[in-house]
Protein backbone atom coordinates (compact mmCIF):
# COMPACT_ATOMS: atom_id res chain seq x y z
CA MET A 1 -131.39 130.30 -61.52
CA ARG A 2 -127.96 131.68 -61.26
CA ILE A 3 -125.07 129.65 -60.32
CA ASP A 4 -124.20 131.61 -57.29
CA ALA A 5 -127.76 131.48 -55.91
CA LEU A 6 -127.90 127.90 -56.54
CA ILE A 7 -124.51 127.14 -54.74
CA ALA A 8 -125.74 129.25 -51.69
CA ALA A 9 -128.78 127.38 -51.35
CA ALA A 10 -127.26 123.84 -51.88
CA ALA A 11 -124.52 124.87 -49.34
CA ALA A 12 -126.92 125.96 -46.82
CA ARG A 13 -128.72 122.31 -47.01
CA LEU A 14 -125.47 120.70 -46.78
CA GLN A 15 -124.11 122.78 -43.74
CA ALA A 16 -127.42 122.12 -41.94
CA ALA A 17 -126.98 118.22 -42.49
CA GLY A 18 -123.47 118.66 -40.93
CA ILE A 19 -121.29 118.32 -44.07
CA GLU A 20 -117.79 119.73 -43.29
CA SER A 21 -117.18 121.48 -46.58
CA PRO A 22 -120.68 122.53 -47.88
CA THR A 23 -119.66 125.17 -50.53
CA ARG A 24 -117.02 123.17 -51.95
CA GLU A 25 -119.48 120.25 -52.25
CA ALA A 26 -122.18 122.34 -53.57
CA ARG A 27 -119.82 123.27 -56.47
CA LEU A 28 -118.99 119.74 -57.31
CA LEU A 29 -122.49 118.44 -57.28
CA LEU A 30 -123.88 121.56 -59.45
CA GLY A 31 -120.86 120.88 -61.74
CA HIS A 32 -121.98 117.28 -62.06
CA ALA A 33 -125.64 118.08 -62.47
CA SER A 34 -125.25 120.71 -64.95
CA GLY A 35 -122.34 119.04 -66.96
CA LEU A 36 -120.40 122.29 -66.75
CA GLY A 37 -117.82 121.03 -64.17
CA ALA A 38 -116.57 122.52 -60.93
CA THR A 39 -114.04 125.02 -62.67
CA ARG A 40 -116.67 126.77 -64.90
CA ILE A 41 -119.03 126.76 -61.98
CA MET A 42 -116.51 128.86 -59.99
CA ALA A 43 -115.46 131.06 -62.96
CA TYR A 44 -118.97 132.12 -64.03
CA PRO A 45 -121.17 132.56 -61.01
CA GLU A 46 -123.57 134.71 -62.96
CA GLN A 47 -124.37 131.95 -65.53
CA ILE A 48 -128.03 130.84 -65.53
CA ILE A 49 -128.72 127.13 -65.07
CA ASP A 50 -131.61 125.46 -66.78
CA PRO A 51 -134.49 123.85 -64.71
CA ALA A 52 -133.66 120.29 -65.50
CA ALA A 53 -130.19 120.66 -64.09
CA VAL A 54 -131.61 122.43 -61.15
CA ARG A 55 -133.91 119.49 -60.50
CA LYS A 56 -130.94 117.04 -60.86
CA LEU A 57 -128.96 119.06 -58.30
CA ASP A 58 -131.67 118.82 -55.87
CA GLY A 59 -131.78 115.07 -56.12
CA LEU A 60 -127.83 115.01 -55.66
CA VAL A 61 -128.05 117.30 -52.61
CA ASP A 62 -130.84 114.92 -51.16
CA ARG A 63 -128.33 111.96 -51.49
CA ARG A 64 -125.58 113.82 -49.87
CA VAL A 65 -127.83 115.05 -47.12
CA ALA A 66 -128.52 111.36 -46.52
CA ARG A 67 -124.59 110.97 -46.11
CA GLU A 68 -123.87 109.33 -49.30
CA PRO A 69 -120.23 110.37 -50.13
CA VAL A 70 -119.68 112.77 -52.99
CA SER A 71 -117.46 110.37 -54.69
CA ARG A 72 -120.16 107.82 -54.80
CA ILE A 73 -122.68 110.31 -56.22
CA LEU A 74 -120.17 111.45 -58.90
CA GLY A 75 -118.89 108.04 -59.38
CA SER A 76 -115.26 109.14 -59.20
CA ARG A 77 -112.49 110.24 -56.78
CA GLU A 78 -109.21 112.21 -57.38
CA PHE A 79 -106.23 110.46 -55.91
CA TRP A 80 -102.68 111.39 -56.51
CA SER A 81 -104.02 113.90 -59.15
CA LEU A 82 -105.47 110.99 -61.09
CA ASP A 83 -109.08 110.32 -61.57
CA PHE A 84 -110.46 107.01 -60.42
CA THR A 85 -113.72 105.43 -61.10
CA VAL A 86 -115.45 104.27 -57.68
CA THR A 87 -118.27 101.80 -57.49
CA PRO A 88 -120.01 99.93 -54.57
CA ALA A 89 -117.50 97.14 -55.14
CA THR A 90 -114.51 99.38 -54.10
CA LEU A 91 -113.23 101.21 -51.20
CA ASP A 92 -113.48 104.95 -51.54
CA PRO A 93 -109.69 106.17 -52.02
CA ARG A 94 -108.82 108.43 -48.90
CA PRO A 95 -106.34 111.30 -49.09
CA ASP A 96 -104.45 109.72 -46.11
CA SER A 97 -103.44 106.65 -48.25
CA GLU A 98 -101.45 109.10 -50.47
CA THR A 99 -98.88 108.67 -47.46
CA ILE A 100 -98.32 105.22 -48.62
CA VAL A 101 -97.43 106.26 -52.14
CA GLU A 102 -95.14 108.99 -50.89
CA ALA A 103 -93.36 106.50 -48.50
CA ALA A 104 -92.81 104.06 -51.25
CA LEU A 105 -91.44 106.45 -53.71
CA ASP A 106 -88.88 107.78 -51.22
CA ARG A 107 -87.44 104.17 -51.02
CA ILE A 108 -86.76 104.04 -54.71
CA PRO A 109 -83.35 105.67 -55.58
CA ASP A 110 -83.94 105.48 -59.33
CA ARG A 111 -87.30 106.02 -60.58
CA LYS A 112 -86.62 104.77 -63.95
CA SER A 113 -85.63 101.44 -62.89
CA PRO A 114 -87.47 98.51 -64.23
CA LEU A 115 -89.31 97.62 -61.02
CA THR A 116 -91.95 94.93 -60.23
CA ILE A 117 -94.66 96.04 -57.74
CA ILE A 118 -97.49 94.16 -55.99
CA ASP A 119 -100.50 95.85 -54.65
CA PHE A 120 -102.46 93.71 -52.04
CA GLY A 121 -106.13 94.59 -51.66
CA THR A 122 -105.98 96.77 -54.69
CA GLY A 123 -109.67 98.11 -54.68
CA THR A 124 -109.88 100.88 -57.36
CA GLY A 125 -106.06 100.28 -58.11
CA CYS A 126 -105.19 103.68 -56.70
CA LEU A 127 -102.03 102.75 -54.94
CA LEU A 128 -100.65 100.66 -57.80
CA LEU A 129 -101.61 103.14 -60.60
CA ALA A 130 -100.32 106.12 -58.60
CA LEU A 131 -96.99 104.41 -58.32
CA LEU A 132 -96.80 103.54 -62.02
CA SER A 133 -97.57 107.10 -62.79
CA GLU A 134 -94.33 108.12 -61.25
CA LEU A 135 -92.21 104.96 -62.33
CA PRO A 136 -92.29 104.79 -66.10
CA ASN A 137 -90.45 101.40 -66.45
CA ALA A 138 -92.40 99.63 -63.58
CA LEU A 139 -94.85 96.80 -63.88
CA GLY A 140 -97.44 95.94 -61.50
CA ILE A 141 -99.97 93.34 -60.24
CA GLY A 142 -103.01 94.31 -58.15
CA ILE A 143 -104.84 91.52 -56.11
CA ASP A 144 -108.26 91.65 -54.75
CA ARG A 145 -110.62 89.05 -53.35
CA SER A 146 -113.50 90.97 -55.08
CA GLU A 147 -113.93 90.14 -58.87
CA ALA A 148 -115.95 93.27 -59.30
CA ALA A 149 -113.23 95.42 -57.60
CA ALA A 150 -110.64 93.91 -59.89
CA ARG A 151 -112.59 94.79 -62.83
CA VAL A 152 -113.00 98.35 -61.73
CA ALA A 153 -109.24 98.53 -61.18
CA ALA A 154 -108.52 97.08 -64.63
CA GLY A 155 -110.89 99.76 -66.08
CA ASN A 156 -109.17 102.60 -64.19
CA ALA A 157 -105.78 101.34 -65.51
CA TRP A 158 -107.03 101.36 -69.07
CA ARG A 159 -108.58 104.75 -68.75
CA LEU A 160 -105.46 106.20 -67.20
CA GLY A 161 -103.22 104.78 -69.86
CA PHE A 162 -101.39 101.98 -67.60
CA ALA A 163 -103.06 98.97 -68.96
CA ALA A 164 -100.03 97.79 -70.60
CA ARG A 165 -98.09 97.87 -67.38
CA ALA A 166 -100.64 96.69 -64.85
CA ARG A 167 -102.45 93.41 -64.44
CA PHE A 168 -105.20 92.51 -61.97
CA ILE A 169 -105.87 89.20 -60.19
CA VAL A 170 -108.70 87.81 -58.24
CA GLY A 171 -107.08 85.94 -55.25
CA ASP A 172 -106.79 85.46 -51.45
CA TRP A 173 -103.71 87.63 -50.75
CA ALA A 174 -100.40 85.98 -51.96
CA ASN A 175 -101.80 82.44 -52.54
CA ALA A 176 -101.39 82.69 -56.29
CA LEU A 177 -97.98 84.46 -56.45
CA ALA A 178 -94.44 82.94 -56.73
CA GLY A 179 -91.05 84.54 -57.42
CA SER A 180 -89.84 87.78 -56.01
CA VAL A 181 -90.59 91.54 -56.37
CA ASP A 182 -89.10 94.81 -55.74
CA LEU A 183 -92.02 96.73 -53.88
CA ILE A 184 -95.20 95.70 -52.22
CA VAL A 185 -97.93 97.99 -51.06
CA ALA A 186 -101.02 97.03 -49.23
CA ASN A 187 -104.12 98.74 -47.66
CA PRO A 188 -105.80 95.74 -46.10
CA PRO A 189 -109.08 95.76 -44.17
CA TYR A 190 -108.00 96.86 -40.66
CA ILE A 191 -111.15 98.01 -38.84
CA PRO A 192 -111.93 95.91 -35.61
CA ALA A 193 -115.27 94.07 -35.89
CA SER A 194 -116.56 96.00 -32.89
CA ASP A 195 -115.75 99.27 -34.50
CA ILE A 196 -117.78 98.82 -37.68
CA ALA A 197 -121.08 100.06 -36.24
CA GLY A 198 -119.39 103.28 -34.97
CA LEU A 199 -118.03 104.39 -38.25
CA GLU A 200 -119.22 107.47 -40.04
CA PRO A 201 -122.24 106.68 -42.40
CA GLU A 202 -120.45 107.60 -45.39
CA VAL A 203 -118.11 104.70 -44.68
CA ARG A 204 -120.31 102.28 -42.66
CA GLU A 205 -123.17 102.25 -45.34
CA HIS A 206 -121.22 102.89 -48.53
CA ASP A 207 -117.76 101.15 -48.44
CA PRO A 208 -117.88 97.34 -48.97
CA LEU A 209 -117.64 95.57 -45.51
CA ALA A 210 -114.98 93.15 -46.96
CA ALA A 211 -112.68 96.24 -47.62
CA LEU A 212 -113.19 97.50 -44.01
CA ALA A 213 -113.40 94.49 -41.54
CA GLY A 214 -109.97 93.19 -40.36
CA GLY A 215 -111.29 90.53 -37.71
CA ALA A 216 -111.76 90.90 -34.02
CA ASP A 217 -108.64 93.29 -33.48
CA GLY A 218 -108.40 94.48 -37.10
CA LEU A 219 -104.80 92.68 -37.48
CA ASP A 220 -106.01 89.40 -39.19
CA PRO A 221 -104.88 90.59 -42.63
CA TYR A 222 -101.40 91.63 -41.36
CA ARG A 223 -100.91 88.18 -39.69
CA LEU A 224 -101.21 86.62 -43.27
CA LEU A 225 -99.52 89.39 -45.08
CA ALA A 226 -96.24 89.92 -43.04
CA PRO A 227 -94.83 86.36 -43.73
CA GLU A 228 -96.01 86.35 -47.41
CA THR A 229 -94.44 89.72 -48.13
CA ALA A 230 -91.08 88.47 -46.47
CA ARG A 231 -91.29 85.45 -48.82
CA LEU A 232 -91.98 87.58 -51.91
CA LEU A 233 -89.61 90.44 -51.52
CA ARG A 234 -86.26 90.49 -53.10
CA PRO A 235 -83.30 91.11 -50.63
CA GLY A 236 -82.95 94.80 -49.98
CA SER A 237 -86.50 95.50 -51.21
CA HIS A 238 -89.49 97.08 -49.34
CA VAL A 239 -93.31 96.72 -48.26
CA VAL A 240 -95.25 99.61 -47.21
CA PHE A 241 -98.45 98.72 -45.21
CA GLU A 242 -101.12 101.14 -44.36
CA VAL A 243 -102.46 100.85 -40.76
CA GLY A 244 -105.27 102.17 -38.81
CA GLN A 245 -105.10 104.42 -35.70
CA GLY A 246 -103.28 102.88 -32.80
CA GLN A 247 -102.28 99.80 -34.80
CA ALA A 248 -98.77 100.70 -35.60
CA ASP A 249 -96.87 98.93 -32.70
CA ALA A 250 -98.82 95.72 -33.29
CA VAL A 251 -98.02 95.63 -36.88
CA VAL A 252 -94.37 96.50 -36.30
CA GLY A 253 -94.34 93.38 -34.09
CA LEU A 254 -95.71 91.10 -36.87
CA GLY A 255 -93.41 92.50 -39.42
CA LEU A 256 -90.37 91.96 -37.24
CA ALA A 257 -91.57 88.39 -36.35
CA ALA A 258 -91.70 87.59 -39.94
CA GLY A 259 -88.04 88.58 -40.40
CA LEU A 260 -88.64 92.19 -42.00
CA ILE A 261 -86.69 95.17 -40.83
CA LEU A 262 -88.46 98.39 -39.88
CA HIS A 263 -87.28 101.35 -41.77
CA GLU A 264 -89.83 104.08 -41.24
CA GLN A 265 -93.24 104.91 -39.52
CA ARG A 266 -94.87 107.89 -41.34
CA ALA A 267 -97.70 109.91 -40.19
CA ASP A 268 -100.58 111.21 -42.43
CA LEU A 269 -101.69 114.91 -42.55
CA GLY A 270 -103.73 114.31 -39.38
CA GLY A 271 -100.72 113.15 -37.45
CA ILE A 272 -101.73 109.44 -37.40
CA GLN A 273 -99.14 106.82 -37.92
CA ARG A 274 -100.33 105.58 -41.13
CA ALA A 275 -97.66 104.01 -43.19
CA LEU A 276 -95.24 101.47 -42.01
CA VAL A 277 -92.06 100.88 -44.23
CA PHE A 278 -90.40 97.47 -43.74
CA GLY A 279 -87.45 96.08 -45.85
CA LYS A 280 -86.11 92.60 -46.39
CA PRO A 281 -82.55 92.02 -45.18
CA GLY A 282 -79.90 91.49 -47.80
CA ASP A 283 -78.02 93.05 -50.68
CA PRO A 284 -80.35 93.96 -53.60
CA ARG A 285 -77.60 93.42 -56.08
CA LYS A 286 -77.27 89.79 -55.34
């Protein structure tokens, strides 16, 4: 069958299942099934696809109709223009989380500085490795409770060329850390326990529960992280927390109670307050 006919048929199935971007996803799935990639799929709609690839596409569309995320089907997700391996052990990186990277970079006056960075709840390593891609002399540590997730992050660092500047630790937040750092980022679990069942199936059934559940009110990780980040930051340095919808005020209160200064609340593309930027009081030159 021709590419354009296959795309039309797959997109119709996806649209009937309620998928928001059926044509785009059909192209991605056919690019993967055929090995041609989405760019060639778009450029040569008249090309004939062999029957084996057509059968593979049908199976991939079946999985997407069952609400398995495209990133899980393909095994990868683009984040900050970088390609990250995604596995069942890791949270699927969201475009909204790029807000944390943007906010962190905006607090760095000299991107060539030899900075030290910590990423709590690193998952795929997307936040840390995105920052390292923009900060050529920075070093970073990613921490995750999941050994499997830490291995995925380390693999992503190696594939993307940042293995020499990134290390990954299996641990419970900051318990294994001492000293001081220049920047902390964190996307901790923040979904209230009562909200888990109502999440979209792509999230509820495919993201690891430990990367979602933040306790009864979703704030348990911030209660631990706020004082730990205040301990680890150098004077004049910053931490950027990702927060869920409606959580900004509560997390601001936790940060202030830990002795941090609120610098900014930044919304994502959907208008939701997504990134909270705190600083540690003091002169960074001392």
